[in-house]
Amino acid sequence: MESLTDDIERIHEKVVGSFVRIRISSGTSKVAEPYKIGTRTTDIKLEILNLNRKEVIPIDEISNQEFSEDECKRLRQSIKYGLSKRLTV
């Protein structure tokens, strides 16, 4: 996620619809006060959908861990039962 801040013009289109333990639904927002992510500074935060509640969070709060098989299974089940929309490519 940190490397995406290199291309500020395209970060929105790169992150919308991606999954990061929480789905990034709406995209990105500019914030008034820039903050540090590792060695970089950015004024972009992510707009996420967390159980039908929209939140704006800093990029560095996103987990960099791989998804577990159980998490993938729960996502497939939530799609099967209509709790989440079917994914498209």
Protein backbone atom coordinates (compact mmCIF):
# COMPACT_ATOMS: atom_id res chain seq x y z
CA MET A 1 0.00 0.00 0.00
CA GLU A 2 2.85 2.35 0.83
CA SER A 3 4.29 2.13 -2.69
CA LEU A 4 0.92 3.16 -4.17
CA THR A 5 1.45 6.65 -2.77
CA ASP A 6 4.13 7.15 -5.45
CA ASP A 7 1.37 7.56 -8.05
CA ILE A 8 -1.03 9.99 -6.34
CA GLU A 9 -2.93 10.56 -9.59
CA ARG A 10 -3.90 6.88 -9.93
CA ILE A 11 -4.07 5.62 -6.33
CA HIS A 12 -7.89 5.92 -6.25
CA GLU A 13 -8.43 3.65 -9.27
CA LYS A 14 -5.87 1.14 -8.00
CA VAL A 15 -7.45 0.62 -4.57
CA VAL A 16 -11.22 0.78 -5.19
CA GLY A 17 -12.72 -2.68 -4.81
CA SER A 18 -9.63 -4.29 -3.34
CA PHE A 19 -9.74 -6.41 -0.20
CA VAL A 20 -7.48 -5.71 2.77
CA ARG A 21 -9.14 -7.51 5.67
CA ILE A 22 -11.73 -4.75 5.19
CA ARG A 23 -13.09 -3.86 1.76
CA ILE A 24 -12.06 -0.53 0.27
CA SER A 25 -15.42 0.51 -1.14
CA SER A 26 -15.37 4.18 -1.89
CA GLY A 27 -11.70 4.80 -2.54
CA THR A 28 -9.57 7.60 -1.23
CA SER A 29 -9.85 10.96 0.48
CA LYS A 30 -7.41 13.84 0.79
CA VAL A 31 -6.83 15.00 4.34
CA ALA A 32 -5.79 18.44 5.55
CA GLU A 33 -2.79 17.26 7.55
CA PRO A 34 -0.27 14.91 5.84
CA TYR A 35 1.03 11.94 7.83
CA LYS A 36 4.01 9.57 7.60
CA ILE A 37 3.89 6.03 6.18
CA GLY A 38 7.32 4.49 6.71
CA THR A 39 9.72 6.89 5.00
CA ARG A 40 7.03 8.67 2.97
CA THR A 41 4.52 11.39 3.71
CA THR A 42 1.03 11.42 2.18
CA ASP A 43 -2.26 13.27 2.45
CA ILE A 44 -4.33 10.29 1.21
CA LYS A 45 -6.52 8.14 3.47
CA LEU A 46 -8.64 5.14 2.49
CA GLU A 47 -12.43 5.08 2.62
CA ILE A 48 -13.44 1.61 3.77
CA LEU A 49 -16.71 -0.19 4.28
CA ASN A 50 -16.70 -2.04 7.59
CA LEU A 51 -20.00 -3.88 8.13
CA ASN A 52 -22.05 -1.22 6.33
CA ARG A 53 -20.25 1.59 8.16
CA LYS A 54 -17.99 3.90 6.17
CA GLU A 55 -14.68 4.84 7.81
CA VAL A 56 -11.68 6.89 6.70
CA ILE A 57 -8.37 5.40 7.87
CA PRO A 58 -4.66 6.00 7.28
CA ILE A 59 -2.98 3.64 4.81
CA ASP A 60 -0.59 2.32 7.46
CA GLU A 61 -3.49 0.79 9.43
CA ILE A 62 -4.03 -1.83 6.73
CA SER A 63 -2.66 -5.27 7.61
CA ASN A 64 0.07 -6.67 5.38
CA GLN A 65 -0.57 -10.27 6.40
CA GLU A 66 -1.73 -12.87 3.90
CA PHE A 67 -5.39 -13.90 4.04
CA SER A 68 -5.95 -17.20 5.84
CA GLU A 69 -7.91 -20.05 4.26
CA ASP A 70 -10.63 -19.49 6.91
CA GLU A 71 -11.00 -15.84 5.89
CA CYS A 72 -11.34 -16.84 2.24
CA LYS A 73 -13.90 -19.49 3.20
CA ARG A 74 -15.97 -16.91 5.16
CA LEU A 75 -15.87 -14.53 2.19
CA ARG A 76 -17.09 -17.28 -0.17
CA GLN A 77 -19.89 -18.13 2.27
CA SER A 78 -20.96 -14.50 2.64
CA ILE A 79 -21.17 -14.23 -1.17
CA LYS A 80 -23.08 -17.51 -1.39
CA TYR A 81 -25.67 -16.35 1.16
CA GLY A 82 -26.02 -12.87 -0.37
CA LEU A 83 -24.28 -10.96 2.43
CA SER A 84 -21.60 -9.71 0.01
CA LYS A 85 -21.80 -8.99 -3.70
CA ARG A 86 -20.34 -11.49 -6.13
CA LEU A 87 -16.86 -10.45 -7.24
CA THR A 88 -16.26 -9.55 -10.88
CA VAL A 89 -13.11 -9.07 -12.90
